[in-house]
Full PDB file with SEQRES, HELIX, SHEET, SSBOND, CRYST1, ORIGX, SCALE, CONECT and MASTER records, all heavy atoms in Angstrom:
SEQRES   1 A   43  ALA GLY ARG GLY VAL GLU ALA LEU VAL GLY LEU VAL ARG          
SEQRES   2 A   43  HIS GLU PRO PHE GLY LEU GLY ILE VAL VAL GLY VAL GLY          
SEQRES   3 A   43  GLY VAL LEU VAL GLU LEU VAL LYS ASP ALA ALA PHE ASP          
SEQRES   4 A   43  LEU LEU PRO ILE                                              
HELIX    1 AA1 VAL A   30  VAL A   33  1                                   4    
SHEET    1 AA1 3 ALA A   7  HIS A  14  0                                        
SHEET    2 AA1 3 GLY A  18  VAL A  25 -1                                        
SHEET    3 AA1 3 ALA A  36  LEU A  40 -1                                        
CRYST1    1.000    1.000    1.000  90.00  90.00  90.00 P 1           1          
ORIGX1      1.000000  0.000000  0.000000        0.00000                         
ORIGX2      0.000000  1.000000  0.000000        0.00000                         
ORIGX3      0.000000  0.000000  1.000000        0.00000                         
SCALE1      1.000000  0.000000  0.000000        0.00000                         
SCALE2      0.000000  1.000000  0.000000        0.00000                         
SCALE3      0.000000  0.000000  1.000000        0.00000                         
ATOM      1  N   ALA A   1      -6.140 -11.592  -8.516  1.00  0.00           N  
ATOM      2  CA  ALA A   1      -6.208 -10.880  -7.265  1.00  0.00           C  
ATOM      3  C   ALA A   1      -5.681  -9.445  -7.492  1.00  0.00           C  
ATOM      4  O   ALA A   1      -4.890  -9.226  -8.388  1.00  0.00           O  
ATOM      5  CB  ALA A   1      -5.388 -11.593  -6.208  1.00  0.00           C  
ATOM      6  N   GLY A   2      -6.061  -8.579  -6.652  1.00  0.00           N  
ATOM      7  CA  GLY A   2      -5.589  -7.195  -6.706  1.00  0.00           C  
ATOM      8  C   GLY A   2      -4.179  -7.109  -6.182  1.00  0.00           C  
ATOM      9  O   GLY A   2      -3.542  -8.078  -5.736  1.00  0.00           O  
ATOM     10  N   ARG A   3      -3.669  -5.895  -6.179  1.00  0.00           N  
ATOM     11  CA  ARG A   3      -2.278  -5.671  -5.779  1.00  0.00           C  
ATOM     12  C   ARG A   3      -2.261  -5.588  -4.250  1.00  0.00           C  
ATOM     13  O   ARG A   3      -3.238  -5.183  -3.594  1.00  0.00           O  
ATOM     14  CB  ARG A   3      -1.712  -4.398  -6.411  1.00  0.00           C  
ATOM     15  CG  ARG A   3      -1.576  -4.550  -7.910  1.00  0.00           C  
ATOM     16  CD  ARG A   3      -0.819  -3.338  -8.453  1.00  0.00           C  
ATOM     17  NE  ARG A   3      -0.538  -3.473  -9.895  1.00  0.00           N  
ATOM     18  CZ  ARG A   3       0.159  -2.618 -10.589  1.00  0.00           C  
ATOM     19  NH1 ARG A   3       0.582  -1.516 -10.053  1.00  0.00           N  
ATOM     20  NH2 ARG A   3       0.417  -2.799 -11.903  1.00  0.00           N  
ATOM     21  N   GLY A   4      -1.028  -5.875  -3.707  1.00  0.00           N  
ATOM     22  CA  GLY A   4      -0.863  -5.781  -2.317  1.00  0.00           C  
ATOM     23  C   GLY A   4       0.579  -6.151  -2.024  1.00  0.00           C  
ATOM     24  O   GLY A   4       1.416  -6.428  -2.861  1.00  0.00           O  
ATOM     25  N   VAL A   5       0.860  -6.341  -0.735  1.00  0.00           N  
ATOM     26  CA  VAL A   5       2.169  -6.817  -0.297  1.00  0.00           C  
ATOM     27  C   VAL A   5       2.190  -8.325  -0.441  1.00  0.00           C  
ATOM     28  O   VAL A   5       1.300  -9.036   0.030  1.00  0.00           O  
ATOM     29  CB  VAL A   5       2.440  -6.423   1.168  1.00  0.00           C  
ATOM     30  CG1 VAL A   5       3.776  -7.085   1.692  1.00  0.00           C  
ATOM     31  CG2 VAL A   5       2.508  -4.942   1.348  1.00  0.00           C  
ATOM     32  N   GLU A   6       3.217  -8.830  -1.084  1.00  0.00           N  
ATOM     33  CA  GLU A   6       3.345 -10.263  -1.313  1.00  0.00           C  
ATOM     34  C   GLU A   6       4.165 -10.913  -0.244  1.00  0.00           C  
ATOM     35  O   GLU A   6       5.323 -10.551   0.016  1.00  0.00           O  
ATOM     36  CB  GLU A   6       3.957 -10.560  -2.665  1.00  0.00           C  
ATOM     37  CG  GLU A   6       3.073 -10.161  -3.874  1.00  0.00           C  
ATOM     38  CD  GLU A   6       3.650 -10.668  -5.143  1.00  0.00           C  
ATOM     39  OE1 GLU A   6       4.832 -10.939  -5.269  1.00  0.00           O  
ATOM     40  OE2 GLU A   6       2.827 -10.759  -6.154  1.00  0.00           O  
ATOM     41  N   ALA A   7       3.584 -11.861   0.436  1.00  0.00           N  
ATOM     42  CA  ALA A   7       4.210 -12.550   1.536  1.00  0.00           C  
ATOM     43  C   ALA A   7       4.336 -14.061   1.215  1.00  0.00           C  
ATOM     44  O   ALA A   7       3.499 -14.610   0.415  1.00  0.00           O  
ATOM     45  CB  ALA A   7       3.445 -12.399   2.831  1.00  0.00           C  
ATOM     46  N   LEU A   8       5.252 -14.733   1.878  1.00  0.00           N  
ATOM     47  CA  LEU A   8       5.307 -16.178   1.757  1.00  0.00           C  
ATOM     48  C   LEU A   8       4.928 -16.686   3.207  1.00  0.00           C  
ATOM     49  O   LEU A   8       5.425 -16.136   4.189  1.00  0.00           O  
ATOM     50  CB  LEU A   8       6.733 -16.664   1.507  1.00  0.00           C  
ATOM     51  CG  LEU A   8       6.990 -18.206   1.653  1.00  0.00           C  
ATOM     52  CD1 LEU A   8       7.754 -18.773   0.488  1.00  0.00           C  
ATOM     53  CD2 LEU A   8       7.670 -18.519   2.935  1.00  0.00           C  
ATOM     54  N   VAL A   9       4.105 -17.656   3.213  1.00  0.00           N  
ATOM     55  CA  VAL A   9       3.714 -18.328   4.508  1.00  0.00           C  
ATOM     56  C   VAL A   9       3.829 -19.869   4.187  1.00  0.00           C  
ATOM     57  O   VAL A   9       3.307 -20.307   3.107  1.00  0.00           O  
ATOM     58  CB  VAL A   9       2.347 -17.998   5.013  1.00  0.00           C  
ATOM     59  CG1 VAL A   9       2.086 -18.674   6.376  1.00  0.00           C  
ATOM     60  CG2 VAL A   9       2.250 -16.489   5.127  1.00  0.00           C  
ATOM     61  N   GLY A  10       4.452 -20.597   5.060  1.00  0.00           N  
ATOM     62  CA  GLY A  10       4.545 -22.046   4.801  1.00  0.00           C  
ATOM     63  C   GLY A  10       4.812 -22.838   5.982  1.00  0.00           C  
ATOM     64  O   GLY A  10       5.127 -22.314   7.116  1.00  0.00           O  
ATOM     65  N   LEU A  11       4.789 -24.138   5.920  1.00  0.00           N  
ATOM     66  CA  LEU A  11       5.118 -25.112   6.933  1.00  0.00           C  
ATOM     67  C   LEU A  11       6.283 -25.935   6.443  1.00  0.00           C  
ATOM     68  O   LEU A  11       6.358 -26.325   5.281  1.00  0.00           O  
ATOM     69  CB  LEU A  11       3.952 -25.972   7.350  1.00  0.00           C  
ATOM     70  CG  LEU A  11       2.681 -25.357   7.751  1.00  0.00           C  
ATOM     71  CD1 LEU A  11       1.615 -26.407   8.115  1.00  0.00           C  
ATOM     72  CD2 LEU A  11       2.894 -24.369   8.994  1.00  0.00           C  
ATOM     73  N   VAL A  12       7.215 -26.252   7.317  1.00  0.00           N  
ATOM     74  CA  VAL A  12       8.310 -27.189   7.026  1.00  0.00           C  
ATOM     75  C   VAL A  12       8.627 -28.001   8.215  1.00  0.00           C  
ATOM     76  O   VAL A  12       8.510 -27.555   9.387  1.00  0.00           O  
ATOM     77  CB  VAL A  12       9.539 -26.432   6.549  1.00  0.00           C  
ATOM     78  CG1 VAL A  12      10.118 -25.536   7.621  1.00  0.00           C  
ATOM     79  CG2 VAL A  12      10.607 -27.338   6.019  1.00  0.00           C  
ATOM     80  N   ARG A  13       8.943 -29.268   8.001  1.00  0.00           N  
ATOM     81  CA  ARG A  13       9.177 -30.220   9.118  1.00  0.00           C  
ATOM     82  C   ARG A  13      10.638 -30.366   9.371  1.00  0.00           C  
ATOM     83  O   ARG A  13      11.484 -30.572   8.477  1.00  0.00           O  
ATOM     84  CB  ARG A  13       8.583 -31.574   8.737  1.00  0.00           C  
ATOM     85  CG  ARG A  13       8.763 -32.681   9.839  1.00  0.00           C  
ATOM     86  CD  ARG A  13       8.017 -33.951   9.418  1.00  0.00           C  
ATOM     87  NE  ARG A  13       6.643 -33.738   9.272  1.00  0.00           N  
ATOM     88  CZ  ARG A  13       5.768 -33.765  10.315  1.00  0.00           C  
ATOM     89  NH1 ARG A  13       6.248 -33.949  11.513  1.00  0.00           N  
ATOM     90  NH2 ARG A  13       4.533 -33.576  10.143  1.00  0.00           N  
ATOM     91  N   HIS A  14      11.050 -30.322  10.674  1.00  0.00           N  
ATOM     92  CA  HIS A  14      12.365 -30.592  11.111  1.00  0.00           C  
ATOM     93  C   HIS A  14      12.299 -31.439  12.338  1.00  0.00           C  
ATOM     94  O   HIS A  14      11.855 -30.977  13.418  1.00  0.00           O  
ATOM     95  CB  HIS A  14      13.102 -29.241  11.436  1.00  0.00           C  
ATOM     96  CG  HIS A  14      13.534 -28.470  10.217  1.00  0.00           C  
ATOM     97  ND1 HIS A  14      14.409 -29.019   9.290  1.00  0.00           N  
ATOM     98  CD2 HIS A  14      13.196 -27.269   9.809  1.00  0.00           C  
ATOM     99  CE1 HIS A  14      14.596 -28.108   8.359  1.00  0.00           C  
ATOM    100  NE2 HIS A  14      13.889 -27.065   8.595  1.00  0.00           N  
ATOM    101  N   GLU A  15      12.717 -32.688  12.168  1.00  0.00           N  
ATOM    102  CA  GLU A  15      12.745 -33.572  13.318  1.00  0.00           C  
ATOM    103  C   GLU A  15      13.922 -33.293  14.202  1.00  0.00           C  
ATOM    104  O   GLU A  15      14.984 -32.837  13.717  1.00  0.00           O  
ATOM    105  CB  GLU A  15      12.735 -35.074  12.837  1.00  0.00           C  
ATOM    106  CG  GLU A  15      11.546 -35.433  12.000  1.00  0.00           C  
ATOM    107  CD  GLU A  15      10.218 -35.253  12.671  1.00  0.00           C  
ATOM    108  OE1 GLU A  15      10.195 -34.997  13.934  1.00  0.00           O  
ATOM    109  OE2 GLU A  15       9.155 -35.414  12.039  1.00  0.00           O  
ATOM    110  N   PRO A  16      13.786 -33.468  15.532  1.00  0.00           N  
ATOM    111  CA  PRO A  16      12.661 -34.149  16.207  1.00  0.00           C  
ATOM    112  C   PRO A  16      11.514 -33.183  16.618  1.00  0.00           C  
ATOM    113  O   PRO A  16      10.669 -33.549  17.385  1.00  0.00           O  
ATOM    114  CB  PRO A  16      13.331 -34.725  17.466  1.00  0.00           C  
ATOM    115  CG  PRO A  16      14.350 -33.667  17.816  1.00  0.00           C  
ATOM    116  CD  PRO A  16      14.856 -33.181  16.475  1.00  0.00           C  
ATOM    117  N   PHE A  17      11.554 -31.921  16.127  1.00  0.00           N  
ATOM    118  CA  PHE A  17      10.685 -30.947  16.635  1.00  0.00           C  
ATOM    119  C   PHE A  17       9.283 -30.945  15.937  1.00  0.00           C  
ATOM    120  O   PHE A  17       8.332 -30.396  16.441  1.00  0.00           O  
ATOM    121  CB  PHE A  17      11.248 -29.548  16.495  1.00  0.00           C  
ATOM    122  CG  PHE A  17      12.622 -29.436  17.049  1.00  0.00           C  
ATOM    123  CD1 PHE A  17      13.764 -29.315  16.286  1.00  0.00           C  
ATOM    124  CD2 PHE A  17      12.838 -29.534  18.433  1.00  0.00           C  
ATOM    125  CE1 PHE A  17      15.000 -29.223  16.819  1.00  0.00           C  
ATOM    126  CE2 PHE A  17      14.076 -29.406  18.977  1.00  0.00           C  
ATOM    127  CZ  PHE A  17      15.180 -29.277  18.181  1.00  0.00           C  
ATOM    128  N   GLY A  18       9.199 -31.526  14.735  1.00  0.00           N  
ATOM    129  CA  GLY A  18       7.946 -31.554  14.010  1.00  0.00           C  
ATOM    130  C   GLY A  18       7.820 -30.311  13.136  1.00  0.00           C  
ATOM    131  O   GLY A  18       8.805 -29.838  12.592  1.00  0.00           O  
ATOM    132  N   LEU A  19       6.585 -29.926  12.849  1.00  0.00           N  
ATOM    133  CA  LEU A  19       6.333 -28.810  11.882  1.00  0.00           C  
ATOM    134  C   LEU A  19       6.626 -27.440  12.520  1.00  0.00           C  
ATOM    135  O   LEU A  19       6.349 -27.191  13.692  1.00  0.00           O  
ATOM    136  CB  LEU A  19       4.900 -28.875  11.440  1.00  0.00           C  
ATOM    137  CG  LEU A  19       4.521 -29.893  10.393  1.00  0.00           C  
ATOM    138  CD1 LEU A  19       3.054 -29.892  10.130  1.00  0.00           C  
ATOM    139  CD2 LEU A  19       5.338 -29.751   9.093  1.00  0.00           C  
ATOM    140  N   GLY A  20       7.194 -26.577  11.712  1.00  0.00           N  
ATOM    141  CA  GLY A  20       7.320 -25.140  12.031  1.00  0.00           C  
ATOM    142  C   GLY A  20       6.754 -24.296  10.975  1.00  0.00           C  
ATOM    143  O   GLY A  20       6.490 -24.759   9.882  1.00  0.00           O  
ATOM    144  N   ILE A  21       6.571 -23.024  11.242  1.00  0.00           N  
ATOM    145  CA  ILE A  21       5.978 -22.065  10.298  1.00  0.00           C  
ATOM    146  C   ILE A  21       7.040 -21.112   9.826  1.00  0.00           C  
ATOM    147  O   ILE A  21       7.832 -20.632  10.568  1.00  0.00           O  
ATOM    148  CB  ILE A  21       4.746 -21.351  10.951  1.00  0.00           C  
ATOM    149  CG1 ILE A  21       4.029 -20.531   9.850  1.00  0.00           C  
ATOM    150  CG2 ILE A  21       5.124 -20.556  12.118  1.00  0.00           C  
ATOM    151  CD1 ILE A  21       2.643 -20.032  10.230  1.00  0.00           C  
ATOM    152  N   VAL A  22       7.002 -20.788   8.535  1.00  0.00           N  
ATOM    153  CA  VAL A  22       7.881 -19.823   7.963  1.00  0.00           C  
ATOM    154  C   VAL A  22       7.048 -18.678   7.432  1.00  0.00           C  
ATOM    155  O   VAL A  22       6.013 -18.872   6.830  1.00  0.00           O  
ATOM    156  CB  VAL A  22       8.645 -20.412   6.741  1.00  0.00           C  
ATOM    157  CG1 VAL A  22       9.624 -19.448   6.118  1.00  0.00           C  
ATOM    158  CG2 VAL A  22       9.418 -21.685   7.206  1.00  0.00           C  
ATOM    159  N   VAL A  23       7.514 -17.454   7.675  1.00  0.00           N  
ATOM    160  CA  VAL A  23       6.813 -16.264   7.104  1.00  0.00           C  
ATOM    161  C   VAL A  23       7.930 -15.280   6.652  1.00  0.00           C  
ATOM    162  O   VAL A  23       8.971 -15.223   7.302  1.00  0.00           O  
ATOM    163  CB  VAL A  23       5.912 -15.620   8.077  1.00  0.00           C  
ATOM    164  CG1 VAL A  23       6.631 -15.050   9.295  1.00  0.00           C  
ATOM    165  CG2 VAL A  23       5.075 -14.487   7.419  1.00  0.00           C  
ATOM    166  N   GLY A  24       7.667 -14.639   5.485  1.00  0.00           N  
ATOM    167  CA  GLY A  24       8.667 -13.705   5.047  1.00  0.00           C  
ATOM    168  C   GLY A  24       8.199 -13.008   3.772  1.00  0.00           C  
ATOM    169  O   GLY A  24       6.992 -13.105   3.350  1.00  0.00           O  
ATOM    170  N   VAL A  25       9.079 -12.266   3.198  1.00  0.00           N  
ATOM    171  CA  VAL A  25       8.721 -11.527   1.954  1.00  0.00           C  
ATOM    172  C   VAL A  25       8.592 -12.581   0.853  1.00  0.00           C  
ATOM    173  O   VAL A  25       9.428 -13.438   0.629  1.00  0.00           O  
ATOM    174  CB  VAL A  25       9.859 -10.584   1.599  1.00  0.00           C  
ATOM    175  CG1 VAL A  25       9.634  -9.930   0.238  1.00  0.00           C  
ATOM    176  CG2 VAL A  25      10.053  -9.517   2.635  1.00  0.00           C  
ATOM    177  N   GLY A  26       7.490 -12.482   0.115  1.00  0.00           N  
ATOM    178  CA  GLY A  26       7.218 -13.489  -0.882  1.00  0.00           C  
ATOM    179  C   GLY A  26       7.357 -12.936  -2.349  1.00  0.00           C  
ATOM    180  O   GLY A  26       7.901 -11.877  -2.542  1.00  0.00           O  
ATOM    181  N   GLY A  27       6.803 -13.725  -3.274  1.00  0.00           N  
ATOM    182  CA  GLY A  27       6.929 -13.370  -4.693  1.00  0.00           C  
ATOM    183  C   GLY A  27       7.982 -14.145  -5.419  1.00  0.00           C  
ATOM    184  O   GLY A  27       8.562 -15.146  -4.843  1.00  0.00           O  
ATOM    185  N   VAL A  28       8.273 -13.773  -6.629  1.00  0.00           N  
ATOM    186  CA  VAL A  28       9.128 -14.634  -7.494  1.00  0.00           C  
ATOM    187  C   VAL A  28      10.562 -14.582  -7.029  1.00  0.00           C  
ATOM    188  O   VAL A  28      11.403 -15.400  -7.381  1.00  0.00           O  
ATOM    189  CB  VAL A  28       9.063 -14.131  -8.930  1.00  0.00           C  
ATOM    190  CG1 VAL A  28       7.652 -14.427  -9.507  1.00  0.00           C  
ATOM    191  CG2 VAL A  28       9.394 -12.680  -9.122  1.00  0.00           C  
ATOM    192  N   LEU A  29      11.027 -13.555  -6.291  1.00  0.00           N  
ATOM    193  CA  LEU A  29      12.346 -13.433  -5.839  1.00  0.00           C  
ATOM    194  C   LEU A  29      12.601 -13.889  -4.441  1.00  0.00           C  
ATOM    195  O   LEU A  29      13.589 -13.550  -3.793  1.00  0.00           O  
ATOM    196  CB  LEU A  29      12.833 -11.982  -5.948  1.00  0.00           C  
ATOM    197  CG  LEU A  29      12.756 -11.335  -7.336  1.00  0.00           C  
ATOM    198  CD1 LEU A  29      13.186  -9.829  -7.267  1.00  0.00           C  
ATOM    199  CD2 LEU A  29      13.639 -12.111  -8.325  1.00  0.00           C  
ATOM    200  N   VAL A  30      11.698 -14.744  -3.909  1.00  0.00           N  
ATOM    201  CA  VAL A  30      11.724 -15.128  -2.515  1.00  0.00           C  
ATOM    202  C   VAL A  30      13.086 -15.764  -2.125  1.00  0.00           C  
ATOM    203  O   VAL A  30      13.616 -15.450  -1.095  1.00  0.00           O  
ATOM    204  CB  VAL A  30      10.533 -16.021  -2.200  1.00  0.00           C  
ATOM    205  CG1 VAL A  30      10.565 -17.295  -2.974  1.00  0.00           C  
ATOM    206  CG2 VAL A  30      10.528 -16.353  -0.704  1.00  0.00           C  
ATOM    207  N   GLU A  31      13.591 -16.696  -2.931  1.00  0.00           N  
ATOM    208  CA  GLU A  31      14.821 -17.343  -2.565  1.00  0.00           C  
ATOM    209  C   GLU A  31      16.062 -16.462  -2.756  1.00  0.00           C  
ATOM    210  O   GLU A  31      17.077 -16.710  -2.112  1.00  0.00           O  
ATOM    211  CB  GLU A  31      14.956 -18.625  -3.347  1.00  0.00           C  
ATOM    212  CG  GLU A  31      13.956 -19.744  -2.907  1.00  0.00           C  
ATOM    213  CD  GLU A  31      14.166 -21.015  -3.644  1.00  0.00           C  
ATOM    214  OE1 GLU A  31      15.080 -21.109  -4.506  1.00  0.00           O  
ATOM    215  OE2 GLU A  31      13.348 -21.964  -3.396  1.00  0.00           O  
ATOM    216  N   LEU A  32      15.942 -15.438  -3.585  1.00  0.00           N  
ATOM    217  CA  LEU A  32      17.031 -14.494  -3.720  1.00  0.00           C  
ATOM    218  C   LEU A  32      17.011 -13.501  -2.593  1.00  0.00           C  
ATOM    219  O   LEU A  32      18.076 -13.179  -2.015  1.00  0.00           O  
ATOM    220  CB  LEU A  32      16.877 -13.756  -5.063  1.00  0.00           C  
ATOM    221  CG  LEU A  32      17.915 -12.695  -5.380  1.00  0.00           C  
ATOM    222  CD1 LEU A  32      19.315 -13.393  -5.549  1.00  0.00           C  
ATOM    223  CD2 LEU A  32      17.650 -11.959  -6.642  1.00  0.00           C  
ATOM    224  N   VAL A  33      15.867 -13.034  -2.150  1.00  0.00           N  
ATOM    225  CA  VAL A  33      15.772 -12.126  -1.054  1.00  0.00           C  
ATOM    226  C   VAL A  33      16.127 -12.787   0.277  1.00  0.00           C  
ATOM    227  O   VAL A  33      16.798 -12.325   1.123  1.00  0.00           O  
ATOM    228  CB  VAL A  33      14.360 -11.446  -1.020  1.00  0.00           C  
ATOM    229  CG1 VAL A  33      14.233 -10.563   0.220  1.00  0.00           C  
ATOM    230  CG2 VAL A  33      14.156 -10.665  -2.288  1.00  0.00           C  
ATOM    231  N   LYS A  34      15.543 -14.022   0.469  1.00  0.00           N  
ATOM    232  CA  LYS A  34      15.744 -14.836   1.647  1.00  0.00           C  
ATOM    233  C   LYS A  34      15.512 -14.046   2.927  1.00  0.00           C  
ATOM    234  O   LYS A  34      16.410 -13.953   3.821  1.00  0.00           O  
ATOM    235  CB  LYS A  34      17.167 -15.451   1.688  1.00  0.00           C  
ATOM    236  CG  LYS A  34      17.330 -16.552   0.611  1.00  0.00           C  
ATOM    237  CD  LYS A  34      18.637 -17.248   0.711  1.00  0.00           C  
ATOM    238  CE  LYS A  34      18.690 -18.403  -0.264  1.00  0.00           C  
ATOM    239  NZ  LYS A  34      20.017 -19.104  -0.226  1.00  0.00           N  
ATOM    240  N   ASP A  35      14.407 -13.441   3.001  1.00  0.00           N  
ATOM    241  CA  ASP A  35      14.095 -12.579   4.230  1.00  0.00           C  
ATOM    242  C   ASP A  35      12.872 -13.332   4.877  1.00  0.00           C  
ATOM    243  O   ASP A  35      11.701 -13.042   4.508  1.00  0.00           O  
ATOM    244  CB  ASP A  35      13.704 -11.160   3.861  1.00  0.00           C  
ATOM    245  CG  ASP A  35      13.382 -10.346   5.073  1.00  0.00           C  
ATOM    246  OD1 ASP A  35      13.889 -10.531   6.124  1.00  0.00           O  
ATOM    247  OD2 ASP A  35      12.432  -9.515   4.943  1.00  0.00           O  
ATOM    248  N   ALA A  36      13.137 -14.198   5.755  1.00  0.00           N  
ATOM    249  CA  ALA A  36      12.036 -15.007   6.378  1.00  0.00           C  
ATOM    250  C   ALA A  36      12.400 -15.305   7.878  1.00  0.00           C  
ATOM    251  O   ALA A  36      13.587 -15.249   8.259  1.00  0.00           O  
ATOM    252  CB  ALA A  36      11.835 -16.257   5.614  1.00  0.00           C  
ATOM    253  N   ALA A  37      11.425 -15.610   8.622  1.00  0.00           N  
ATOM    254  CA  ALA A  37      11.544 -16.020  10.017  1.00  0.00           C  
ATOM    255  C   ALA A  37      10.778 -17.349  10.233  1.00  0.00           C  
ATOM    256  O   ALA A  37       9.866 -17.687   9.565  1.00  0.00           O  
ATOM    257  CB  ALA A  37      10.976 -14.930  10.932  1.00  0.00           C  
ATOM    258  N   PHE A  38      11.282 -18.093  11.219  1.00  0.00           N  
ATOM    259  CA  PHE A  38      10.756 -19.460  11.470  1.00  0.00           C  
ATOM    260  C   PHE A  38      10.455 -19.515  12.973  1.00  0.00           C  
ATOM    261  O   PHE A  38      11.142 -19.058  13.847  1.00  0.00           O  
ATOM    262  CB  PHE A  38      11.786 -20.457  11.101  1.00  0.00           C  
ATOM    263  CG  PHE A  38      11.476 -21.872  11.433  1.00  0.00           C  
ATOM    264  CD1 PHE A  38      10.776 -22.685  10.502  1.00  0.00           C  
ATOM    265  CD2 PHE A  38      11.855 -22.461  12.614  1.00  0.00           C  
ATOM    266  CE1 PHE A  38      10.399 -23.973  10.814  1.00  0.00           C  
ATOM    267  CE2 PHE A  38      11.547 -23.728  12.892  1.00  0.00           C  
ATOM    268  CZ  PHE A  38      10.845 -24.548  11.988  1.00  0.00           C  
ATOM    269  N   ASP A  39       9.385 -20.320  13.271  1.00  0.00           N  
ATOM    270  CA  ASP A  39       9.036 -20.659  14.594  1.00  0.00           C  
ATOM    271  C   ASP A  39       8.376 -22.035  14.586  1.00  0.00           C  
ATOM    272  O   ASP A  39       7.820 -22.477  13.603  1.00  0.00           O  
ATOM    273  CB  ASP A  39       8.105 -19.655  15.285  1.00  0.00           C  
ATOM    274  CG  ASP A  39       8.212 -19.714  16.846  1.00  0.00           C  
ATOM    275  OD1 ASP A  39       8.840 -20.579  17.387  1.00  0.00           O  
ATOM    276  OD2 ASP A  39       7.615 -18.768  17.487  1.00  0.00           O  
ATOM    277  N   LEU A  40       8.468 -22.714  15.707  1.00  0.00           N  
ATOM    278  CA  LEU A  40       7.867 -24.013  15.845  1.00  0.00           C  
ATOM    279  C   LEU A  40       6.373 -23.866  16.141  1.00  0.00           C  
ATOM    280  O   LEU A  40       5.961 -22.879  16.765  1.00  0.00           O  
ATOM    281  CB  LEU A  40       8.549 -24.892  16.922  1.00  0.00           C  
ATOM    282  CG  LEU A  40       9.954 -25.284  16.579  1.00  0.00           C  
ATOM    283  CD1 LEU A  40      10.683 -25.847  17.762  1.00  0.00           C  
ATOM    284  CD2 LEU A  40      10.015 -26.238  15.414  1.00  0.00           C  
ATOM    285  N   LEU A  41       5.593 -24.842  15.784  1.00  0.00           N  
ATOM    286  CA  LEU A  41       4.164 -24.830  16.012  1.00  0.00           C  
ATOM    287  C   LEU A  41       3.813 -25.488  17.335  1.00  0.00           C  
ATOM    288  O   LEU A  41       4.564 -26.331  17.843  1.00  0.00           O  
ATOM    289  CB  LEU A  41       3.442 -25.514  14.870  1.00  0.00           C  
ATOM    290  CG  LEU A  41       3.525 -24.806  13.490  1.00  0.00           C  
ATOM    291  CD1 LEU A  41       2.850 -25.613  12.451  1.00  0.00           C  
ATOM    292  CD2 LEU A  41       2.880 -23.433  13.563  1.00  0.00           C  
ATOM    293  N   PRO A  42       2.637 -25.185  17.899  1.00  0.00           N  
ATOM    294  CA  PRO A  42       1.641 -24.171  17.390  1.00  0.00           C  
ATOM    295  C   PRO A  42       2.019 -22.742  17.806  1.00  0.00           C  
ATOM    296  O   PRO A  42       2.925 -22.613  18.651  1.00  0.00           O  
ATOM    297  CB  PRO A  42       0.370 -24.587  18.124  1.00  0.00           C  
ATOM    298  CG  PRO A  42       0.789 -25.196  19.378  1.00  0.00           C  
ATOM    299  CD  PRO A  42       2.087 -25.928  19.093  1.00  0.00           C  
ATOM    300  N   ILE A  43       1.422 -21.776  17.113  1.00  0.00           N  
ATOM    301  CA  ILE A  43       1.648 -20.429  17.487  1.00  0.00           C  
ATOM    302  C   ILE A  43       0.376 -19.743  17.820  1.00  0.00           C  
ATOM    303  O   ILE A  43      -0.691 -20.189  17.490  1.00  0.00           O  
ATOM    304  CB  ILE A  43       2.338 -19.668  16.323  1.00  0.00           C  
ATOM    305  CG1 ILE A  43       1.471 -19.641  15.048  1.00  0.00           C  
ATOM    306  CG2 ILE A  43       3.727 -20.138  16.006  1.00  0.00           C  
ATOM    307  CD1 ILE A  43       1.834 -18.646  14.008  1.00  0.00           C  
TER     308      ILE A  43                                                      
MASTER        0    0    0    1    3    0    0    6  307    1    0    4          
END                                                                             
């Protein structure tokens, strides 16, 4: 792929609420940067 802004997008489950969506700065340093936001689905 070409170059661009690297983002992380994902789903994670937390009961009793079910699945939520995570979005934030992505790439190899994602867990070091830890810049993400979360919301419950659907959006």
